[in-house]
Structures are given as C-alpha cells and as structure tokens.
Amino acid sequence: ERLGSRRILKRVLDRIAAEGPLPARAFEDPG
C-alpha cells in the first residue's frame, strides 16, 4: 500500500548499485 508499485524497489536498487551509497533525499520523489 505504501510503495504504490513494487517496480520502485528495482529502480532504487539499480540506482544504488550503479551510483554507490545514497540518502533518501537523492531520489526525486515528491509523492
């Protein structure tokens, strides 16, 4: 219910895998 779509899990993992350690504010997500 809180994720909206589970596709966001892969997007988050892929970005951290590629870019390295990130804080939550690094993700542009106004919702």
PDB file of all heavy atoms in Angstrom:
ATOM      1  N   GLU A   1       0.822  -1.208   0.000  1.00  0.00           N
ATOM      2  CA  GLU A   1       0.000   0.000   0.000  1.00  0.00           C
ATOM      3  C   GLU A   1       0.858   1.260   0.000  1.00  0.00           C
ATOM      4  O   GLU A   1       0.504   2.275  -0.609  1.00  0.00           O
ATOM      5  CB  GLU A   1      -0.925  -0.004   1.213  1.00  0.00           C
ATOM      6  CG  GLU A   1      -2.014  -1.073   1.153  1.00  0.00           C
ATOM      7  CD  GLU A   1      -2.792  -1.172   2.451  1.00  0.00           C
ATOM      8  OE1 GLU A   1      -2.437  -0.445   3.413  1.00  0.00           O
ATOM      9  OE2 GLU A   1      -3.729  -1.988   2.522  1.00  0.00           O
ATOM     10  N   ARG A   2       1.984   1.204   0.679  1.00  0.00           N
ATOM     11  CA  ARG A   2       2.830   2.388   0.825  1.00  0.00           C
ATOM     12  C   ARG A   2       3.812   2.567  -0.328  1.00  0.00           C
ATOM     13  O   ARG A   2       4.300   3.671  -0.557  1.00  0.00           O
ATOM     14  CB  ARG A   2       3.555   2.327   2.175  1.00  0.00           C
ATOM     15  CG  ARG A   2       2.597   2.579   3.339  1.00  0.00           C
ATOM     16  CD  ARG A   2       3.084   2.017   4.652  1.00  0.00           C
ATOM     17  NE  ARG A   2       2.153   2.365   5.719  1.00  0.00           N
ATOM     18  CZ  ARG A   2       1.009   1.723   5.946  1.00  0.00           C
ATOM     19  NH1 ARG A   2       0.661   0.704   5.166  1.00  0.00           N
ATOM     20  NH2 ARG A   2       0.218   2.097   6.937  1.00  0.00           N
ATOM     21  N   LEU A   3       4.109   1.473  -1.029  1.00  0.00           N
ATOM     22  CA  LEU A   3       5.016   1.570  -2.175  1.00  0.00           C
ATOM     23  C   LEU A   3       4.307   2.060  -3.434  1.00  0.00           C
ATOM     24  O   LEU A   3       4.910   2.708  -4.281  1.00  0.00           O
ATOM     25  CB  LEU A   3       5.647   0.202  -2.461  1.00  0.00           C
ATOM     26  CG  LEU A   3       6.700  -0.294  -1.479  1.00  0.00           C
ATOM     27  CD1 LEU A   3       7.017  -1.755  -1.755  1.00  0.00           C
ATOM     28  CD2 LEU A   3       7.962   0.555  -1.549  1.00  0.00           C
ATOM     29  N   GLY A   4       3.033   1.743  -3.545  1.00  0.00           N
ATOM     30  CA  GLY A   4       2.309   2.063  -4.771  1.00  0.00           C
ATOM     31  C   GLY A   4       2.549   1.015  -5.839  1.00  0.00           C
ATOM     32  O   GLY A   4       1.636   0.355  -6.312  1.00  0.00           O
ATOM     33  N   SER A   5       3.790   0.829  -6.212  1.00  0.00           N
ATOM     34  CA  SER A   5       4.173  -0.211  -7.169  1.00  0.00           C
ATOM     35  C   SER A   5       5.506  -0.796  -6.732  1.00  0.00           C
ATOM     36  O   SER A   5       6.415  -0.068  -6.326  1.00  0.00           O
ATOM     37  CB  SER A   5       4.315   0.374  -8.578  1.00  0.00           C
ATOM     38  OG  SER A   5       4.944  -0.563  -9.441  1.00  0.00           O
ATOM     39  N   ARG A   6       5.622  -2.113  -6.851  1.00  0.00           N
ATOM     40  CA  ARG A   6       6.869  -2.755  -6.451  1.00  0.00           C
ATOM     41  C   ARG A   6       7.994  -2.524  -7.460  1.00  0.00           C
ATOM     42  O   ARG A   6       9.152  -2.855  -7.175  1.00  0.00           O
ATOM     43  CB  ARG A   6       6.642  -4.250  -6.225  1.00  0.00           C
ATOM     44  CG  ARG A   6       5.838  -4.517  -4.958  1.00  0.00           C
ATOM     45  CD  ARG A   6       5.633  -5.972  -4.669  1.00  0.00           C
ATOM     46  NE  ARG A   6       4.932  -6.132  -3.397  1.00  0.00           N
ATOM     47  CZ  ARG A   6       5.537  -6.358  -2.233  1.00  0.00           C
ATOM     48  NH1 ARG A   6       6.844  -6.474  -2.180  1.00  0.00           N
ATOM     49  NH2 ARG A   6       4.834  -6.478  -1.122  1.00  0.00           N
ATOM     50  N   ARG A   7       7.672  -1.944  -8.587  1.00  0.00           N
ATOM     51  CA  ARG A   7       8.726  -1.634  -9.561  1.00  0.00           C
ATOM     52  C   ARG A   7       9.733  -0.638  -8.997  1.00  0.00           C
ATOM     53  O   ARG A   7      10.887  -0.604  -9.416  1.00  0.00           O
ATOM     54  CB  ARG A   7       8.114  -1.092 -10.853  1.00  0.00           C
ATOM     55  CG  ARG A   7       7.398  -2.142 -11.690  1.00  0.00           C
ATOM     56  CD  ARG A   7       7.083  -1.622 -13.078  1.00  0.00           C
ATOM     57  NE  ARG A   7       6.114  -0.543 -13.040  1.00  0.00           N
ATOM     58  CZ  ARG A   7       4.796  -0.711 -13.077  1.00  0.00           C
ATOM     59  NH1 ARG A   7       4.293  -1.935 -13.141  1.00  0.00           N
ATOM     60  NH2 ARG A   7       3.971   0.327 -13.049  1.00  0.00           N
ATOM     61  N   ILE A   8       9.278   0.149  -8.022  1.00  0.00           N
ATOM     62  CA  ILE A   8      10.179   1.137  -7.433  1.00  0.00           C
ATOM     63  C   ILE A   8      11.333   0.468  -6.687  1.00  0.00           C
ATOM     64  O   ILE A   8      12.420   1.034  -6.571  1.00  0.00           O
ATOM     65  CB  ILE A   8       9.396   2.090  -6.493  1.00  0.00           C
ATOM     66  CG1 ILE A   8      10.241   3.337  -6.201  1.00  0.00           C
ATOM     67  CG2 ILE A   8       8.980   1.389  -5.202  1.00  0.00           C
ATOM     68  CD1 ILE A   8       9.474   4.415  -5.465  1.00  0.00           C
ATOM     69  N   LEU A   9      11.135  -0.749  -6.191  1.00  0.00           N
ATOM     70  CA  LEU A   9      12.203  -1.459  -5.484  1.00  0.00           C
ATOM     71  C   LEU A   9      13.397  -1.698  -6.401  1.00  0.00           C
ATOM     72  O   LEU A   9      14.549  -1.463  -6.016  1.00  0.00           O
ATOM     73  CB  LEU A   9      11.687  -2.785  -4.931  1.00  0.00           C
ATOM     74  CG  LEU A   9      10.572  -2.698  -3.894  1.00  0.00           C
ATOM     75  CD1 LEU A   9      10.014  -4.089  -3.599  1.00  0.00           C
ATOM     76  CD2 LEU A   9      11.081  -2.052  -2.608  1.00  0.00           C
ATOM     77  N   LYS A  10      13.116  -2.147  -7.613  1.00  0.00           N
ATOM     78  CA  LYS A  10      14.208  -2.393  -8.575  1.00  0.00           C
ATOM     79  C   LYS A  10      14.878  -1.088  -8.984  1.00  0.00           C
ATOM     80  O   LYS A  10      16.113  -1.022  -9.107  1.00  0.00           O
ATOM     81  CB  LYS A  10      13.683  -3.126  -9.806  1.00  0.00           C
ATOM     82  CG  LYS A  10      14.791  -3.530 -10.793  1.00  0.00           C
ATOM     83  CD  LYS A  10      14.244  -4.334 -11.946  1.00  0.00           C
ATOM     84  CE  LYS A  10      15.376  -4.862 -12.834  1.00  0.00           C
ATOM     85  NZ  LYS A  10      16.283  -3.811 -13.333  1.00  0.00           N
ATOM     86  N   ARG A  11      14.097  -0.034  -9.168  1.00  0.00           N
ATOM     87  CA  ARG A  11      14.687   1.253  -9.551  1.00  0.00           C
ATOM     88  C   ARG A  11      15.642   1.759  -8.480  1.00  0.00           C
ATOM     89  O   ARG A  11      16.739   2.234  -8.778  1.00  0.00           O
ATOM     90  CB  ARG A  11      13.589   2.287  -9.808  1.00  0.00           C
ATOM     91  CG  ARG A  11      12.764   2.033 -11.055  1.00  0.00           C
ATOM     92  CD  ARG A  11      12.082   3.302 -11.535  1.00  0.00           C
ATOM     93  NE  ARG A  11      11.158   3.853 -10.553  1.00  0.00           N
ATOM     94  CZ  ARG A  11       9.870   3.516 -10.462  1.00  0.00           C
ATOM     95  NH1 ARG A  11       9.362   2.607 -11.302  1.00  0.00           N
ATOM     96  NH2 ARG A  11       9.086   4.073  -9.556  1.00  0.00           N
ATOM     97  N   VAL A  12      15.224   1.641  -7.231  1.00  0.00           N
ATOM     98  CA  VAL A  12      16.071   2.086  -6.120  1.00  0.00           C
ATOM     99  C   VAL A  12      17.341   1.244  -6.032  1.00  0.00           C
ATOM    100  O   VAL A  12      18.453   1.777  -5.924  1.00  0.00           O
ATOM    101  CB  VAL A  12      15.275   2.035  -4.800  1.00  0.00           C
ATOM    102  CG1 VAL A  12      16.203   2.139  -3.590  1.00  0.00           C
ATOM    103  CG2 VAL A  12      14.235   3.146  -4.764  1.00  0.00           C
ATOM    104  N   LEU A  13      17.181  -0.080  -6.094  1.00  0.00           N
ATOM    105  CA  LEU A  13      18.348  -0.971  -6.024  1.00  0.00           C
ATOM    106  C   LEU A  13      19.310  -0.726  -7.178  1.00  0.00           C
ATOM    107  O   LEU A  13      20.537  -0.664  -6.981  1.00  0.00           O
ATOM    108  CB  LEU A  13      17.892  -2.434  -6.031  1.00  0.00           C
ATOM    109  CG  LEU A  13      17.596  -3.095  -4.696  1.00  0.00           C
ATOM    110  CD1 LEU A  13      17.076  -4.510  -4.922  1.00  0.00           C
ATOM    111  CD2 LEU A  13      18.831  -3.126  -3.803  1.00  0.00           C
ATOM    112  N   ASP A  14      18.778  -0.594  -8.379  1.00  0.00           N
ATOM    113  CA  ASP A  14      19.629  -0.391  -9.557  1.00  0.00           C
ATOM    114  C   ASP A  14      20.424   0.909  -9.441  1.00  0.00           C
ATOM    115  O   ASP A  14      21.608   0.963  -9.801  1.00  0.00           O
ATOM    116  CB  ASP A  14      18.796  -0.373 -10.836  1.00  0.00           C
ATOM    117  CG  ASP A  14      18.286  -1.756 -11.223  1.00  0.00           C
ATOM    118  OD1 ASP A  14      18.745  -2.746 -10.620  1.00  0.00           O
ATOM    119  OD2 ASP A  14      17.419  -1.833 -12.116  1.00  0.00           O
ATOM    120  N   ARG A  15      19.779   1.941  -8.934  1.00  0.00           N
ATOM    121  CA  ARG A  15      20.480   3.223  -8.842  1.00  0.00           C
ATOM    122  C   ARG A  15      21.596   3.163  -7.802  1.00  0.00           C
ATOM    123  O   ARG A  15      22.702   3.663  -8.042  1.00  0.00           O
ATOM    124  CB  ARG A  15      19.487   4.337  -8.520  1.00  0.00           C
ATOM    125  CG  ARG A  15      20.147   5.689  -8.546  1.00  0.00           C
ATOM    126  CD  ARG A  15      19.194   6.831  -8.466  1.00  0.00           C
ATOM    127  NE  ARG A  15      19.939   8.065  -8.252  1.00  0.00           N
ATOM    128  CZ  ARG A  15      19.405   9.202  -7.844  1.00  0.00           C
ATOM    129  NH1 ARG A  15      18.093   9.280  -7.639  1.00  0.00           N
ATOM    130  NH2 ARG A  15      20.166  10.270  -7.669  1.00  0.00           N
ATOM    131  N   ILE A  16      21.324   2.565  -6.655  1.00  0.00           N
ATOM    132  CA  ILE A  16      22.365   2.449  -5.630  1.00  0.00           C
ATOM    133  C   ILE A  16      23.501   1.555  -6.116  1.00  0.00           C
ATOM    134  O   ILE A  16      24.681   1.840  -5.896  1.00  0.00           O
ATOM    135  CB  ILE A  16      21.768   1.937  -4.310  1.00  0.00           C
ATOM    136  CG1 ILE A  16      20.901   3.038  -3.677  1.00  0.00           C
ATOM    137  CG2 ILE A  16      22.861   1.505  -3.331  1.00  0.00           C
ATOM    138  CD1 ILE A  16      20.190   2.630  -2.409  1.00  0.00           C
ATOM    139  N   ALA A  17      23.155   0.465  -6.814  1.00  0.00           N
ATOM    140  CA  ALA A  17      24.181  -0.424  -7.365  1.00  0.00           C
ATOM    141  C   ALA A  17      25.099   0.338  -8.321  1.00  0.00           C
ATOM    142  O   ALA A  17      26.321   0.137  -8.329  1.00  0.00           O
ATOM    143  CB  ALA A  17      23.529  -1.597  -8.080  1.00  0.00           C
ATOM    144  N   ALA A  18      24.531   1.256  -9.107  1.00  0.00           N
ATOM    145  CA  ALA A  18      25.309   1.988 -10.103  1.00  0.00           C
ATOM    146  C   ALA A  18      26.049   3.177  -9.512  1.00  0.00           C
ATOM    147  O   ALA A  18      27.199   3.462  -9.884  1.00  0.00           O
ATOM    148  CB  ALA A  18      24.390   2.469 -11.222  1.00  0.00           C
ATOM    149  N   GLU A  19      25.420   3.883  -8.576  1.00  0.00           N
ATOM    150  CA  GLU A  19      25.976   5.149  -8.094  1.00  0.00           C
ATOM    151  C   GLU A  19      26.685   5.048  -6.756  1.00  0.00           C
ATOM    152  O   GLU A  19      27.443   5.946  -6.380  1.00  0.00           O
ATOM    153  CB  GLU A  19      24.861   6.202  -7.996  1.00  0.00           C
ATOM    154  CG  GLU A  19      24.206   6.532  -9.321  1.00  0.00           C
ATOM    155  CD  GLU A  19      23.131   7.592  -9.178  1.00  0.00           C
ATOM    156  OE1 GLU A  19      23.251   8.448  -8.272  1.00  0.00           O
ATOM    157  OE2 GLU A  19      22.168   7.563  -9.973  1.00  0.00           O
ATOM    158  N   GLY A  20      26.405   3.981  -5.986  1.00  0.00           N
ATOM    159  CA  GLY A  20      27.008   3.864  -4.671  1.00  0.00           C
ATOM    160  C   GLY A  20      26.082   4.391  -3.588  1.00  0.00           C
ATOM    161  O   GLY A  20      24.888   4.622  -3.824  1.00  0.00           O
ATOM    162  N   PRO A  21      26.597   4.591  -2.371  1.00  0.00           N
ATOM    163  CA  PRO A  21      25.760   4.967  -1.219  1.00  0.00           C
ATOM    164  C   PRO A  21      24.982   6.256  -1.463  1.00  0.00           C
ATOM    165  O   PRO A  21      25.538   7.240  -1.953  1.00  0.00           O
ATOM    166  CB  PRO A  21      26.772   5.143  -0.090  1.00  0.00           C
ATOM    167  CG  PRO A  21      27.984   4.368  -0.525  1.00  0.00           C
ATOM    168  CD  PRO A  21      28.015   4.465  -2.007  1.00  0.00           C
ATOM    169  N   LEU A  22      23.676   6.227  -1.105  1.00  0.00           N
ATOM    170  CA  LEU A  22      22.810   7.385  -1.317  1.00  0.00           C
ATOM    171  C   LEU A  22      21.862   7.577  -0.141  1.00  0.00           C
ATOM    172  O   LEU A  22      21.394   6.608   0.460  1.00  0.00           O
ATOM    173  CB  LEU A  22      21.977   7.202  -2.597  1.00  0.00           C
ATOM    174  CG  LEU A  22      22.711   7.231  -3.937  1.00  0.00           C
ATOM    175  CD1 LEU A  22      21.756   6.827  -5.055  1.00  0.00           C
ATOM    176  CD2 LEU A  22      23.306   8.611  -4.199  1.00  0.00           C
ATOM    177  N   PRO A  23      21.514   8.841   0.159  1.00  0.00           N
ATOM    178  CA  PRO A  23      20.460   9.115   1.134  1.00  0.00           C
ATOM    179  C   PRO A  23      19.105   9.143   0.447  1.00  0.00           C
ATOM    180  O   PRO A  23      19.025   9.206  -0.790  1.00  0.00           O
ATOM    181  CB  PRO A  23      20.833  10.505   1.647  1.00  0.00           C
ATOM    182  CG  PRO A  23      21.437  11.174   0.452  1.00  0.00           C
ATOM    183  CD  PRO A  23      22.174  10.079  -0.299  1.00  0.00           C
ATOM    184  N   ALA A  24      18.051   9.127   1.224  1.00  0.00           N
ATOM    185  CA  ALA A  24      16.705   9.153   0.643  1.00  0.00           C
ATOM    186  C   ALA A  24      16.464  10.417  -0.168  1.00  0.00           C
ATOM    187  O   ALA A  24      15.776  10.386  -1.189  1.00  0.00           O
ATOM    188  CB  ALA A  24      15.665   9.030   1.761  1.00  0.00           C
ATOM    189  N   ARG A  25      17.070  11.547   0.255  1.00  0.00           N
ATOM    190  CA  ARG A  25      16.821  12.815  -0.461  1.00  0.00           C
ATOM    191  C   ARG A  25      17.418  12.833  -1.866  1.00  0.00           C
ATOM    192  O   ARG A  25      17.113  13.733  -2.653  1.00  0.00           O
ATOM    193  CB  ARG A  25      17.336  13.990   0.358  1.00  0.00           C
ATOM    194  CG  ARG A  25      18.812  13.961   0.640  1.00  0.00           C
ATOM    195  CD  ARG A  25      19.235  15.121   1.543  1.00  0.00           C
ATOM    196  NE  ARG A  25      20.580  14.914   2.045  1.00  0.00           N
ATOM    197  CZ  ARG A  25      21.682  15.188   1.367  1.00  0.00           C
ATOM    198  NH1 ARG A  25      21.593  15.699   0.140  1.00  0.00           N
ATOM    199  NH2 ARG A  25      22.877  14.977   1.900  1.00  0.00           N
ATOM    200  N   ALA A  26      18.278  11.852  -2.188  1.00  0.00           N
ATOM    201  CA  ALA A  26      18.855  11.790  -3.534  1.00  0.00           C
ATOM    202  C   ALA A  26      17.835  11.337  -4.571  1.00  0.00           C
ATOM    203  O   ALA A  26      18.068  11.471  -5.769  1.00  0.00           O
ATOM    204  CB  ALA A  26      20.053  10.838  -3.549  1.00  0.00           C
ATOM    205  N   PHE A  27      16.705  10.812  -4.101  1.00  0.00           N
ATOM    206  CA  PHE A  27      15.682  10.309  -5.008  1.00  0.00           C
ATOM    207  C   PHE A  27      14.590  11.367  -5.168  1.00  0.00           C
ATOM    208  O   PHE A  27      13.977  11.787  -4.176  1.00  0.00           O
ATOM    209  CB  PHE A  27      15.085   9.006  -4.471  1.00  0.00           C
ATOM    210  CG  PHE A  27      16.083   7.887  -4.423  1.00  0.00           C
ATOM    211  CD1 PHE A  27      16.942   7.755  -3.329  1.00  0.00           C
ATOM    212  CD2 PHE A  27      16.182   6.975  -5.453  1.00  0.00           C
ATOM    213  CE1 PHE A  27      17.868   6.728  -3.275  1.00  0.00           C
ATOM    214  CE2 PHE A  27      17.114   5.940  -5.402  1.00  0.00           C
ATOM    215  CZ  PHE A  27      17.961   5.819  -4.316  1.00  0.00           C
ATOM    216  N   GLU A  28      14.368  11.798  -6.384  1.00  0.00           N
ATOM    217  CA  GLU A  28      13.338  12.801  -6.648  1.00  0.00           C
ATOM    218  C   GLU A  28      11.986  12.115  -6.651  1.00  0.00           C
ATOM    219  O   GLU A  28      11.654  11.368  -7.565  1.00  0.00           O
ATOM    220  CB  GLU A  28      13.597  13.494  -7.987  1.00  0.00           C
ATOM    221  CG  GLU A  28      14.886  14.304  -8.015  1.00  0.00           C
ATOM    222  CD  GLU A  28      15.109  14.989  -9.344  1.00  0.00           C
ATOM    223  OE1 GLU A  28      14.205  14.905 -10.198  1.00  0.00           O
ATOM    224  OE2 GLU A  28      16.178  15.594  -9.519  1.00  0.00           O
ATOM    225  N   ASP A  29      11.258  12.361  -5.607  1.00  0.00           N
ATOM    226  CA  ASP A  29      10.004  11.630  -5.423  1.00  0.00           C
ATOM    227  C   ASP A  29       9.098  12.482  -4.548  1.00  0.00           C
ATOM    228  O   ASP A  29       9.101  12.361  -3.332  1.00  0.00           O
ATOM    229  CB  ASP A  29      10.289  10.281  -4.751  1.00  0.00           C
ATOM    230  CG  ASP A  29       9.052   9.399  -4.669  1.00  0.00           C
ATOM    231  OD1 ASP A  29       7.958   9.890  -4.987  1.00  0.00           O
ATOM    232  OD2 ASP A  29       9.194   8.232  -4.284  1.00  0.00           O
ATOM    233  N   PRO A  30       8.330  13.398  -5.147  1.00  0.00           N
ATOM    234  CA  PRO A  30       7.521  14.314  -4.345  1.00  0.00           C
ATOM    235  C   PRO A  30       6.330  13.664  -3.664  1.00  0.00           C
ATOM    236  O   PRO A  30       5.807  14.196  -2.700  1.00  0.00           O
ATOM    237  CB  PRO A  30       7.056  15.354  -5.372  1.00  0.00           C
ATOM    238  CG  PRO A  30       7.055  14.606  -6.672  1.00  0.00           C
ATOM    239  CD  PRO A  30       8.205  13.647  -6.584  1.00  0.00           C
ATOM    240  N   GLY A  31       5.897  12.497  -4.132  1.00  0.00           N
ATOM    241  CA  GLY A  31       4.733  11.856  -3.542  1.00  0.00           C
ATOM    242  C   GLY A  31       5.052  11.249  -2.192  1.00  0.00           C
ATOM    243  O   GLY A  31       6.189  10.909  -1.888  1.00  0.00           O
TER     244      GLY A  31
END
